[in-house]
C-alpha atoms as a PDB file:
ATOM      1  CA  UNK A   1       0.021   0.044  -0.009  1.00  0.00           C
ATOM      2  CA  UNK A   2       1.043   3.621  -0.552  1.00  0.00           C
ATOM      3  CA  UNK A   3       0.184   6.472   1.729  1.00  0.00           C
ATOM      4  CA  UNK A   4       1.301  10.011   2.590  1.00  0.00           C
ATOM      5  CA  UNK A   5       2.020  10.384   6.346  1.00  0.00           C
ATOM      6  CA  UNK A   6       0.016  13.079   8.098  1.00  0.00           C
ATOM      7  CA  UNK A   7       0.789  12.388  11.750  1.00  0.00           C
ATOM      8  CA  UNK A   8       3.325  10.389  13.791  1.00  0.00           C
ATOM      9  CA  UNK A   9       2.954   9.638  17.578  1.00  0.00           C
ATOM     10  CA  UNK A  10       5.476   7.753  19.708  1.00  0.00           C
ATOM     11  CA  UNK A  11       3.827   4.971  21.564  1.00  0.00           C
ATOM     12  CA  UNK A  12       6.601   3.592  23.948  1.00  0.00           C
ATOM     13  CA  UNK A  13       8.825   0.600  23.528  1.00  0.00           C
ATOM     14  CA  UNK A  14       8.318  -3.052  22.702  1.00  0.00           C
ATOM     15  CA  UNK A  15      10.701  -5.843  23.224  1.00  0.00           C
ATOM     16  CA  UNK A  16      10.721  -9.353  21.558  1.00  0.00           C
ATOM     17  CA  UNK A  17      13.257 -12.000  20.574  1.00  0.00           C
ATOM     18  CA  UNK A  18      14.597  -9.678  17.806  1.00  0.00           C
ATOM     19  CA  UNK A  19      15.349  -6.864  20.217  1.00  0.00           C
ATOM     20  CA  UNK A  20      13.928  -3.684  21.538  1.00  0.00           C
ATOM     21  CA  UNK A  21      11.998  -1.354  19.370  1.00  0.00           C
ATOM     22  CA  UNK A  22      10.263   1.958  19.541  1.00  0.00           C
ATOM     23  CA  UNK A  23       6.555   1.895  18.562  1.00  0.00           C
ATOM     24  CA  UNK A  24       4.983   4.634  16.448  1.00  0.00           C
ATOM     25  CA  UNK A  25       1.257   5.290  15.624  1.00  0.00           C
ATOM     26  CA  UNK A  26       1.280   6.662  12.042  1.00  0.00           C
ATOM     27  CA  UNK A  27      -1.789   8.103  10.305  1.00  0.00           C
ATOM     28  CA  UNK A  28      -2.068   8.593   6.545  1.00  0.00           C
ATOM     29  CA  UNK A  29      -3.896  11.071   4.392  1.00  0.00           C
ATOM     30  CA  UNK A  30      -6.588   8.340   3.619  1.00  0.00           C
ATOM     31  CA  UNK A  31      -7.460   8.245   7.382  1.00  0.00           C
ATOM     32  CA  UNK A  32      -5.903   4.785   8.214  1.00  0.00           C
ATOM     33  CA  UNK A  33      -3.630   4.490  11.131  1.00  0.00           C
ATOM     34  CA  UNK A  34      -1.222   1.671  11.856  1.00  0.00           C
ATOM     35  CA  UNK A  35       1.474   0.846  14.392  1.00  0.00           C
ATOM     36  CA  UNK A  36       5.078   0.585  13.333  1.00  0.00           C
ATOM     37  CA  UNK A  37       8.239  -0.656  15.007  1.00  0.00           C
ATOM     38  CA  UNK A  38      11.546   1.203  14.542  1.00  0.00           C
ATOM     39  CA  UNK A  39      15.042   0.723  15.962  1.00  0.00           C
ATOM     40  CA  UNK A  40      15.640   4.295  17.201  1.00  0.00           C
ATOM     41  CA  UNK A  41      13.628   7.119  15.537  1.00  0.00           C
ATOM     42  CA  UNK A  42      11.105   6.380  12.885  1.00  0.00           C
ATOM     43  CA  UNK A  43      12.808   6.725   9.582  1.00  0.00           C
ATOM     44  CA  UNK A  44      10.116   8.796   7.689  1.00  0.00           C
ATOM     45  CA  UNK A  45       8.606  12.197   8.373  1.00  0.00           C
ATOM     46  CA  UNK A  46       5.179  13.841   8.172  1.00  0.00           C
ATOM     47  CA  UNK A  47       4.576  14.552   4.461  1.00  0.00           C
ATOM     48  CA  UNK A  48       6.514  11.657   3.019  1.00  0.00           C
ATOM     49  CA  UNK A  49       4.906   9.272   0.576  1.00  0.00           C
ATOM     50  CA  UNK A  50       5.676   5.713   1.755  1.00  0.00           C
ATOM     51  CA  UNK A  51       5.047   2.165   0.702  1.00  0.00           C
ATOM     52  CA  UNK A  52       3.993  -0.075   3.549  1.00  0.00           C
ATOM     53  CA  UNK A  53       2.514  -3.589   4.176  1.00  0.00           C
ATOM     54  CA  UNK A  54      -0.112  -4.405   6.754  1.00  0.00           C
ATOM     55  CA  UNK A  55       1.222  -7.210   8.862  1.00  0.00           C
ATOM     56  CA  UNK A  56      -1.819  -7.611  11.143  1.00  0.00           C
ATOM     57  CA  UNK A  57      -5.259  -6.159  10.272  1.00  0.00           C
ATOM     58  CA  UNK A  58      -6.729  -7.016  13.770  1.00  0.00           C
ATOM     59  CA  UNK A  59      -3.969  -5.188  15.697  1.00  0.00           C
ATOM     60  CA  UNK A  60      -3.448  -2.552  13.172  1.00  0.00           C
ATOM     61  CA  UNK A  61       0.234  -3.145  12.696  1.00  0.00           C
ATOM     62  CA  UNK A  62       2.301  -2.449   9.453  1.00  0.00           C
ATOM     63  CA  UNK A  63       5.912  -2.166   8.329  1.00  0.00           C
ATOM     64  CA  UNK A  64       7.570   0.079   5.783  1.00  0.00           C
ATOM     65  CA  UNK A  65       8.563  -1.507   2.609  1.00  0.00           C
ATOM     66  CA  UNK A  66      11.577  -0.309   0.894  1.00  0.00           C
ATOM     67  CA  UNK A  67      11.925  -0.868  -2.733  1.00  0.00           C
ATOM     68  CA  UNK A  68      15.518   0.127  -3.700  1.00  0.00           C
ATOM     69  CA  UNK A  69      15.931   1.236  -7.265  1.00  0.00           C
ATOM     70  CA  UNK A  70      17.448  -1.417  -9.555  1.00  0.00           C
ATOM     71  CA  UNK A  71      21.089  -0.929 -10.060  1.00  0.00           C
ATOM     72  CA  UNK A  72      22.300  -1.470 -13.590  1.00  0.00           C
ATOM     73  CA  UNK A  73      25.824  -3.236 -13.521  1.00  0.00           C
ATOM     74  CA  UNK A  74      27.260  -3.774 -16.888  1.00  0.00           C
ATOM     75  CA  UNK A  75      30.646  -4.270 -15.716  1.00  0.00           C
ATOM     76  CA  UNK A  76      31.546  -8.090 -15.706  1.00  0.00           C
ATOM     77  CA  UNK A  77      33.910  -9.718 -13.273  1.00  0.00           C
ATOM     78  CA  UNK A  78      36.482 -10.030 -15.983  1.00  0.00           C
ATOM     79  CA  UNK A  79      36.346  -6.324 -16.625  1.00  0.00           C
ATOM     80  CA  UNK A  80      36.697  -5.594 -13.010  1.00  0.00           C
ATOM     81  CA  UNK A  81      39.882  -7.783 -12.879  1.00  0.00           C
ATOM     82  CA  UNK A  82      41.371  -6.127 -15.867  1.00  0.00           C
ATOM     83  CA  UNK A  83      40.663  -2.728 -14.458  1.00  0.00           C
ATOM     84  CA  UNK A  84      42.131  -3.548 -11.221  1.00  0.00           C
ATOM     85  CA  UNK A  85      45.281  -5.094 -12.755  1.00  0.00           C
ATOM     86  CA  UNK A  86      45.803  -2.298 -14.936  1.00  0.00           C
ATOM     87  CA  UNK A  87      45.615   0.316 -12.179  1.00  0.00           C
ATOM     88  CA  UNK A  88      48.033  -1.652 -10.033  1.00  0.00           C
ATOM     89  CA  UNK A  89      50.447  -1.865 -13.087  1.00  0.00           C
ATOM     90  CA  UNK A  90      50.231   1.792 -13.734  1.00  0.00           C
ATOM     91  CA  UNK A  91      50.770   2.487  -9.986  1.00  0.00           C
ATOM     92  CA  UNK A  92      53.850   0.293  -9.999  1.00  0.00           C
ATOM     93  CA  UNK A  93      55.176   1.899 -13.175  1.00  0.00           C
ATOM     94  CA  UNK A  94      54.775   5.409 -11.761  1.00  0.00           C
ATOM     95  CA  UNK A  95      55.939   4.575  -8.058  1.00  0.00           C
ATOM     96  CA  UNK A  96      59.470   5.468  -8.846  1.00  0.00           C
ATOM     97  CA  UNK A  97      58.629   8.771 -10.572  1.00  0.00           C
ATOM     98  CA  UNK A  98      58.121  11.290  -8.048  1.00  0.00           C
ATOM     99  CA  UNK A  99      56.666  13.822 -10.502  1.00  0.00           C
ATOM    100  CA  UNK A 100      53.648  11.401 -11.222  1.00  0.00           C
ATOM    101  CA  UNK A 101      50.306  12.147  -9.720  1.00  0.00           C
ATOM    102  CA  UNK A 102      46.951  10.449  -9.507  1.00  0.00           C
ATOM    103  CA  UNK A 103      45.691  11.740 -12.733  1.00  0.00           C
ATOM    104  CA  UNK A 104      48.733  10.478 -14.700  1.00  0.00           C
ATOM    105  CA  UNK A 105      48.352   7.054 -13.038  1.00  0.00           C
ATOM    106  CA  UNK A 106      44.679   6.952 -13.827  1.00  0.00           C
ATOM    107  CA  UNK A 107      45.312   8.085 -17.445  1.00  0.00           C
ATOM    108  CA  UNK A 108      47.927   5.481 -18.084  1.00  0.00           C
ATOM    109  CA  UNK A 109      45.772   2.775 -16.539  1.00  0.00           C
ATOM    110  CA  UNK A 110      42.970   3.650 -18.858  1.00  0.00           C
ATOM    111  CA  UNK A 111      45.361   3.297 -21.928  1.00  0.00           C
ATOM    112  CA  UNK A 112      46.271  -0.087 -20.666  1.00  0.00           C
ATOM    113  CA  UNK A 113      42.680  -1.036 -20.194  1.00  0.00           C
ATOM    114  CA  UNK A 114      41.771   0.141 -23.705  1.00  0.00           C
ATOM    115  CA  UNK A 115      44.726  -1.822 -25.124  1.00  0.00           C
ATOM    116  CA  UNK A 116      43.516  -4.978 -23.418  1.00  0.00           C
ATOM    117  CA  UNK A 117      39.981  -4.700 -24.563  1.00  0.00           C
ATOM    118  CA  UNK A 118      40.819  -4.259 -28.217  1.00  0.00           C
END
């Protein structure tokens, strides 16, 4: 479910086998109210639009749902190994050259990466 938070009220503490939690009564713009548990402070604020899941309709309990954005990772393990190895090679090459800086090292490592990937 989605809802915009209109009011948050602390309701004490709750302890179970998973640890100690703070209880919060949260009211949404559609008039629904649910109790949430949080370690420390409630992570959302009044006015935030949140995704939540009702865990027990009878006791009016719910939990926040976090839907992370999908990450696109086009870098294969082989490419990561190549990049790491070429940066190391460039670092070793420039280690005896006091005039070298990080930009020079990275530029040379990119040349090596491009050469390997031809």
